Amino acid sequence: MLRKNILSISVALVILYLSLASSETFNKIPVFHFRGEDKVVHFGMYAVFMGVLLYENRKRINTGRRLALVVLIPFIFGAVLELMQSWLTTSRTGSIYDLLFNLFGILFSIGIYQLAMNSGRNRIK
């Protein structure tokens, strides 16, 4: 099972690093700065994470229940990381709003996946 989800595990490890690294690390990166940019980043990270999980497990997701179980993986992972940010880091804080935008990213990927599955093709190959 681990070999079939190596890309998902890799994405999760990148998210783990980005979530627990010092905020000073990212202040040096020249990107557009705007209010709420961190929420956009949370949305994007978890949309990608969920998309990769869906892709790697597309042959095993054949019921709503299995889909719900796959959804729990990035959601619980994100919740644990928010707690870890509060407890284990000095330059980061956990936020219910970050968790909410994680969920929005997850739901966005599910919506795209459902559209792809129902767009005339019965399966994503």
N, C-alpha and C. Protein backbone atom coordinates (compact mmCIF):
# COMPACT_ATOMS: atom_id res chain seq x y z
N MET A 1 0.82 -1.19 0.00
CA MET A 1 0.00 0.00 0.00
C MET A 1 0.87 1.26 0.00
N LEU A 2 2.00 1.24 0.70
CA LEU A 2 2.87 2.41 0.74
C LEU A 2 3.45 2.72 -0.64
N ARG A 3 3.84 1.70 -1.39
CA ARG A 3 4.40 1.92 -2.72
C ARG A 3 3.38 2.53 -3.66
N LYS A 4 2.13 2.18 -3.50
CA LYS A 4 1.08 2.71 -4.37
C LYS A 4 0.71 4.14 -4.01
N ASN A 5 1.19 4.62 -2.89
CA ASN A 5 0.89 5.98 -2.44
C ASN A 5 2.16 6.80 -2.20
N ILE A 6 3.21 6.49 -2.93
CA ILE A 6 4.49 7.17 -2.70
C ILE A 6 4.40 8.66 -3.01
N LEU A 7 3.64 9.04 -4.02
CA LEU A 7 3.51 10.46 -4.34
C LEU A 7 2.72 11.19 -3.25
N SER A 8 1.67 10.55 -2.75
CA SER A 8 0.89 11.14 -1.66
C SER A 8 1.74 11.32 -0.41
N ILE A 9 2.56 10.34 -0.12
CA ILE A 9 3.44 10.42 1.04
C ILE A 9 4.45 11.55 0.84
N SER A 10 4.95 11.68 -0.38
CA SER A 10 5.91 12.76 -0.67
C SER A 10 5.26 14.13 -0.49
N VAL A 11 4.03 14.29 -0.99
CA VAL A 11 3.32 15.56 -0.82
C VAL A 11 3.10 15.83 0.67
N ALA A 12 2.71 14.80 1.42
CA ALA A 12 2.49 14.96 2.86
C ALA A 12 3.77 15.40 3.57
N LEU A 13 4.90 14.84 3.17
CA LEU A 13 6.18 15.23 3.79
C LEU A 13 6.55 16.68 3.47
N VAL A 14 6.26 17.11 2.26
CA VAL A 14 6.51 18.51 1.90
C VAL A 14 5.62 19.43 2.74
N ILE A 15 4.34 19.06 2.87
CA ILE A 15 3.41 19.85 3.68
C ILE A 15 3.88 19.87 5.14
N LEU A 16 4.34 18.74 5.64
CA LEU A 16 4.85 18.66 7.01
C LEU A 16 6.00 19.64 7.19
N TYR A 17 6.95 19.64 6.26
CA TYR A 17 8.08 20.57 6.36
C TYR A 17 7.60 22.02 6.31
N LEU A 18 6.76 22.33 5.33
CA LEU A 18 6.29 23.71 5.16
C LEU A 18 5.49 24.19 6.38
N SER A 19 4.80 23.26 7.03
CA SER A 19 3.97 23.62 8.18
C SER A 19 4.77 23.82 9.45
N LEU A 20 5.88 23.12 9.59
CA LEU A 20 6.62 23.18 10.84
C LEU A 20 7.92 23.99 10.76
N ALA A 21 8.33 24.36 9.54
CA ALA A 21 9.54 25.17 9.40
C ALA A 21 9.28 26.56 9.98
N SER A 22 10.33 27.19 10.38
CA SER A 22 10.23 28.53 10.94
C SER A 22 9.64 29.49 9.91
N SER A 23 8.79 30.37 10.36
CA SER A 23 8.19 31.34 9.45
C SER A 23 9.24 32.27 8.85
N GLU A 24 10.38 32.41 9.52
CA GLU A 24 11.48 33.23 9.00
C GLU A 24 11.99 32.67 7.67
N THR A 25 11.90 31.36 7.50
CA THR A 25 12.35 30.71 6.27
C THR A 25 11.61 31.25 5.06
N PHE A 26 10.34 31.52 5.21
CA PHE A 26 9.51 31.90 4.07
C PHE A 26 9.45 33.41 3.86
N ASN A 27 9.85 34.18 4.84
CA ASN A 27 9.88 35.64 4.67
C ASN A 27 10.93 36.06 3.65
N LYS A 28 11.93 35.21 3.42
CA LYS A 28 13.02 35.52 2.50
C LYS A 28 12.63 35.25 1.05
N ILE A 29 11.57 34.50 0.82
CA ILE A 29 11.17 34.12 -0.53
C ILE A 29 10.42 35.28 -1.17
N PRO A 30 10.90 35.75 -2.32
CA PRO A 30 10.24 36.89 -2.97
C PRO A 30 8.98 36.43 -3.73
N VAL A 31 7.86 36.57 -3.10
CA VAL A 31 6.57 36.25 -3.73
C VAL A 31 5.63 37.42 -3.50
N PHE A 32 4.53 37.38 -4.18
CA PHE A 32 3.53 38.42 -3.96
C PHE A 32 2.98 38.29 -2.55
N HIS A 33 2.94 39.38 -1.85
CA HIS A 33 2.39 39.37 -0.50
C HIS A 33 1.07 40.12 -0.51
N PHE A 34 0.04 39.46 -0.02
CA PHE A 34 -1.27 40.07 0.07
C PHE A 34 -1.98 39.48 1.28
N ARG A 35 -2.99 40.17 1.71
CA ARG A 35 -3.73 39.72 2.88
C ARG A 35 -4.41 38.39 2.57
N GLY A 36 -4.19 37.41 3.42
CA GLY A 36 -4.80 36.10 3.25
C GLY A 36 -4.01 35.15 2.37
N GLU A 37 -2.78 35.51 2.03
CA GLU A 37 -2.01 34.65 1.15
C GLU A 37 -1.78 33.26 1.76
N ASP A 38 -1.66 33.20 3.08
CA ASP A 38 -1.46 31.91 3.72
C ASP A 38 -2.68 31.01 3.56
N LYS A 39 -3.86 31.59 3.49
CA LYS A 39 -5.08 30.79 3.29
C LYS A 39 -5.11 30.20 1.88
N VAL A 40 -4.64 30.99 0.91
CA VAL A 40 -4.54 30.49 -0.47
C VAL A 40 -3.55 29.33 -0.53
N VAL A 41 -2.45 29.46 0.20
CA VAL A 41 -1.45 28.40 0.24
C VAL A 41 -2.03 27.14 0.88
N HIS A 42 -2.76 27.29 1.98
CA HIS A 42 -3.40 26.13 2.62
C HIS A 42 -4.37 25.45 1.65
N PHE A 43 -5.21 26.25 0.99
CA PHE A 43 -6.15 25.71 0.01
C PHE A 43 -5.40 24.91 -1.05
N GLY A 44 -4.37 25.51 -1.62
CA GLY A 44 -3.62 24.85 -2.69
C GLY A 44 -2.92 23.59 -2.26
N MET A 45 -2.28 23.63 -1.09
CA MET A 45 -1.55 22.45 -0.62
C MET A 45 -2.49 21.27 -0.43
N TYR A 46 -3.63 21.52 0.19
CA TYR A 46 -4.54 20.42 0.48
C TYR A 46 -5.36 20.01 -0.73
N ALA A 47 -5.57 20.92 -1.69
CA ALA A 47 -6.20 20.53 -2.95
C ALA A 47 -5.28 19.58 -3.70
N VAL A 48 -3.98 19.90 -3.73
CA VAL A 48 -3.01 19.02 -4.40
C VAL A 48 -2.90 17.69 -3.65
N PHE A 49 -2.79 17.74 -2.34
CA PHE A 49 -2.69 16.51 -1.53
C PHE A 49 -3.89 15.60 -1.80
N MET A 50 -5.09 16.16 -1.74
CA MET A 50 -6.29 15.36 -1.97
C MET A 50 -6.33 14.86 -3.41
N GLY A 51 -5.95 15.69 -4.36
CA GLY A 51 -5.94 15.28 -5.76
C GLY A 51 -5.01 14.11 -6.00
N VAL A 52 -3.84 14.15 -5.40
CA VAL A 52 -2.87 13.06 -5.54
C VAL A 52 -3.41 11.79 -4.88
N LEU A 53 -4.00 11.93 -3.70
CA LEU A 53 -4.59 10.77 -3.04
C LEU A 53 -5.69 10.14 -3.90
N LEU A 54 -6.54 10.97 -4.47
CA LEU A 54 -7.62 10.47 -5.31
C LEU A 54 -7.05 9.76 -6.54
N TYR A 55 -6.06 10.38 -7.15
CA TYR A 55 -5.47 9.77 -8.34
C TYR A 55 -4.82 8.42 -8.02
N GLU A 56 -4.03 8.38 -6.96
CA GLU A 56 -3.33 7.14 -6.63
C GLU A 56 -4.27 6.04 -6.17
N ASN A 57 -5.43 6.40 -5.66
CA ASN A 57 -6.37 5.40 -5.14
C ASN A 57 -7.63 5.28 -5.98
N ARG A 58 -7.62 5.80 -7.20
CA ARG A 58 -8.81 5.85 -8.03
C ARG A 58 -9.45 4.49 -8.29
N LYS A 59 -8.65 3.44 -8.34
CA LYS A 59 -9.21 2.11 -8.61
C LYS A 59 -9.82 1.49 -7.36
N ARG A 60 -9.43 1.98 -6.20
CA ARG A 60 -9.96 1.44 -4.95
C ARG A 60 -11.15 2.24 -4.42
N ILE A 61 -11.36 3.44 -4.94
CA ILE A 61 -12.47 4.27 -4.48
C ILE A 61 -13.68 3.96 -5.35
N ASN A 62 -14.48 3.01 -4.89
CA ASN A 62 -15.65 2.61 -5.68
C ASN A 62 -16.96 2.80 -4.91
N THR A 63 -16.88 3.35 -3.72
CA THR A 63 -18.08 3.66 -2.94
C THR A 63 -17.89 5.01 -2.24
N GLY A 64 -19.00 5.59 -1.85
CA GLY A 64 -18.93 6.84 -1.10
C GLY A 64 -18.22 6.67 0.23
N ARG A 65 -18.36 5.51 0.81
CA ARG A 65 -17.72 5.25 2.10
C ARG A 65 -16.19 5.25 1.96
N ARG A 66 -15.71 4.63 0.89
CA ARG A 66 -14.25 4.62 0.67
C ARG A 66 -13.74 6.02 0.38
N LEU A 67 -14.52 6.78 -0.37
CA LEU A 67 -14.14 8.17 -0.64
C LEU A 67 -14.06 8.95 0.67
N ALA A 68 -15.03 8.75 1.54
CA ALA A 68 -15.04 9.43 2.84
C ALA A 68 -13.81 9.06 3.66
N LEU A 69 -13.41 7.82 3.60
CA LEU A 69 -12.21 7.40 4.34
C LEU A 69 -10.95 8.06 3.78
N VAL A 70 -10.87 8.19 2.46
CA VAL A 70 -9.72 8.85 1.85
C VAL A 70 -9.71 10.33 2.22
N VAL A 71 -10.88 10.95 2.29
CA VAL A 71 -10.98 12.37 2.66
C VAL A 71 -10.46 12.60 4.08
N LEU A 72 -10.67 11.65 4.95
CA LEU A 72 -10.22 11.81 6.34
C LEU A 72 -8.71 11.92 6.45
N ILE A 73 -7.98 11.31 5.52
CA ILE A 73 -6.52 11.31 5.61
C ILE A 73 -5.96 12.73 5.60
N PRO A 74 -6.21 13.53 4.57
CA PRO A 74 -5.63 14.88 4.60
C PRO A 74 -6.27 15.78 5.65
N PHE A 75 -7.55 15.57 5.95
CA PHE A 75 -8.19 16.42 6.95
C PHE A 75 -7.59 16.20 8.34
N ILE A 76 -7.46 14.95 8.74
CA ILE A 76 -6.86 14.64 10.05
C ILE A 76 -5.39 15.05 10.07
N PHE A 77 -4.69 14.81 8.97
CA PHE A 77 -3.28 15.22 8.86
C PHE A 77 -3.16 16.73 9.09
N GLY A 78 -4.03 17.50 8.44
CA GLY A 78 -4.01 18.96 8.60
C GLY A 78 -4.33 19.39 10.01
N ALA A 79 -5.30 18.72 10.64
CA ALA A 79 -5.68 19.06 12.02
C ALA A 79 -4.51 18.79 12.98
N VAL A 80 -3.85 17.67 12.79
CA VAL A 80 -2.70 17.33 13.64
C VAL A 80 -1.59 18.35 13.43
N LEU A 81 -1.35 18.76 12.19
CA LEU A 81 -0.31 19.75 11.94
C LEU A 81 -0.64 21.10 12.58
N GLU A 82 -1.90 21.49 12.57
CA GLU A 82 -2.28 22.74 13.23
C GLU A 82 -2.01 22.66 14.73
N LEU A 83 -2.29 21.52 15.33
CA LEU A 83 -1.98 21.33 16.76
C LEU A 83 -0.47 21.34 16.99
N MET A 84 0.26 20.69 16.10
CA MET A 84 1.72 20.65 16.25
C MET A 84 2.31 22.06 16.12
N GLN A 85 1.75 22.88 15.23
CA GLN A 85 2.24 24.25 15.10
C GLN A 85 2.06 25.02 16.41
N SER A 86 0.96 24.78 17.07
CA SER A 86 0.71 25.47 18.34
C SER A 86 1.61 24.98 19.45
N TRP A 87 1.85 23.69 19.48
CA TRP A 87 2.56 23.09 20.60
C TRP A 87 4.08 22.99 20.41
N LEU A 88 4.53 22.79 19.16
CA LEU A 88 5.94 22.46 18.93
C LEU A 88 6.77 23.58 18.31
N THR A 89 6.14 24.62 17.81
CA THR A 89 6.91 25.67 17.18
C THR A 89 6.77 26.97 17.96
N THR A 90 7.75 27.83 17.79
CA THR A 90 7.68 29.13 18.45
C THR A 90 7.27 30.24 17.49
N SER A 91 7.47 30.02 16.19
CA SER A 91 7.16 31.07 15.23
C SER A 91 5.86 30.81 14.47
N ARG A 92 5.15 29.76 14.81
CA ARG A 92 3.92 29.40 14.13
C ARG A 92 2.81 29.23 15.14
N THR A 93 1.59 29.45 14.69
CA THR A 93 0.42 29.19 15.54
C THR A 93 -0.59 28.39 14.73
N GLY A 94 -1.29 27.51 15.38
CA GLY A 94 -2.36 26.77 14.73
C GLY A 94 -3.57 27.67 14.59
N SER A 95 -4.38 27.38 13.58
CA SER A 95 -5.54 28.22 13.34
C SER A 95 -6.70 27.39 12.80
N ILE A 96 -7.87 27.61 13.35
CA ILE A 96 -9.07 26.94 12.84
C ILE A 96 -9.35 27.41 11.42
N TYR A 97 -8.97 28.65 11.09
CA TYR A 97 -9.18 29.16 9.73
C TYR A 97 -8.27 28.45 8.73
N ASP A 98 -7.05 28.13 9.14
CA ASP A 98 -6.17 27.35 8.27
C ASP A 98 -6.79 25.99 8.01
N LEU A 99 -7.30 25.36 9.06
CA LEU A 99 -7.94 24.05 8.91
C LEU A 99 -9.16 24.15 7.99
N LEU A 100 -9.89 25.22 8.10
CA LEU A 100 -11.06 25.44 7.24
C LEU A 100 -10.64 25.55 5.77
N PHE A 101 -9.57 26.28 5.49
CA PHE A 101 -9.10 26.39 4.11
C PHE A 101 -8.47 25.09 3.62
N ASN A 102 -7.90 24.30 4.53
CA ASN A 102 -7.47 22.95 4.15
C ASN A 102 -8.68 22.16 3.66
N LEU A 103 -9.78 22.23 4.41
CA LEU A 103 -11.00 21.53 4.05
C LEU A 103 -11.55 22.02 2.72
N PHE A 104 -11.52 23.33 2.47
CA PHE A 104 -11.98 23.87 1.19
C PHE A 104 -11.16 23.29 0.03
N GLY A 105 -9.85 23.18 0.22
CA GLY A 105 -8.99 22.59 -0.81
C GLY A 105 -9.32 21.14 -1.06
N ILE A 106 -9.57 20.40 0.02
CA ILE A 106 -9.95 18.99 -0.08
C ILE A 106 -11.26 18.86 -0.85
N LEU A 107 -12.25 19.66 -0.48
CA LEU A 107 -13.56 19.60 -1.13
C LEU A 107 -13.47 20.01 -2.60
N PHE A 108 -12.63 20.98 -2.90
CA PHE A 108 -12.42 21.40 -4.29
C PHE A 108 -11.92 20.23 -5.12
N SER A 109 -10.92 19.51 -4.61
CA SER A 109 -10.38 18.36 -5.34
C SER A 109 -11.42 17.26 -5.52
N ILE A 110 -12.24 17.05 -4.51
CA ILE A 110 -13.30 16.05 -4.64
C ILE A 110 -14.28 16.47 -5.73
N GLY A 111 -14.61 17.76 -5.76
CA GLY A 111 -15.51 18.25 -6.80
C GLY A 111 -14.94 18.04 -8.20
N ILE A 112 -13.67 18.35 -8.38
CA ILE A 112 -13.00 18.14 -9.67
C ILE A 112 -13.00 16.65 -10.01
N TYR A 113 -12.70 15.82 -9.04
CA TYR A 113 -12.67 14.37 -9.24
C TYR A 113 -14.05 13.86 -9.65
N GLN A 114 -15.09 14.33 -8.97
CA GLN A 114 -16.45 13.89 -9.30
C GLN A 114 -16.84 14.36 -10.71
N LEU A 115 -16.48 15.58 -11.06
CA LEU A 115 -16.76 16.08 -12.42
C LEU A 115 -16.06 15.22 -13.46
N ALA A 116 -14.81 14.89 -13.20
CA ALA A 116 -14.05 14.07 -14.14
C ALA A 116 -14.66 12.68 -14.26
N MET A 117 -15.11 12.13 -13.15
CA MET A 117 -15.70 10.79 -13.18
C MET A 117 -17.04 10.78 -13.90
N ASN A 118 -17.76 11.90 -13.89
CA ASN A 118 -19.09 11.95 -14.49
C ASN A 118 -19.13 12.67 -15.83
N SER A 119 -17.99 12.95 -16.40
CA SER A 119 -17.95 13.76 -17.62
C SER A 119 -18.02 12.93 -18.90
N GLY A 120 -18.72 11.84 -18.86
CA GLY A 120 -18.82 11.01 -20.05
C GLY A 120 -17.91 9.80 -19.98
N ARG A 121 -16.82 9.96 -19.29
CA ARG A 121 -15.96 8.80 -19.06
C ARG A 121 -16.34 8.22 -17.71
N ASN A 122 -16.35 6.93 -17.62
CA ASN A 122 -16.73 6.31 -16.36
C ASN A 122 -15.57 6.21 -15.38
N ARG A 123 -14.36 6.29 -15.90
CA ARG A 123 -13.21 6.15 -15.00
C ARG A 123 -12.07 7.02 -15.46
N ILE A 124 -11.31 7.51 -14.52
CA ILE A 124 -10.05 8.17 -14.84
C ILE A 124 -9.00 7.07 -14.91
N LYS A 125 -8.30 7.01 -16.01
CA LYS A 125 -7.32 5.91 -16.17
C LYS A 125 -5.96 6.34 -15.77
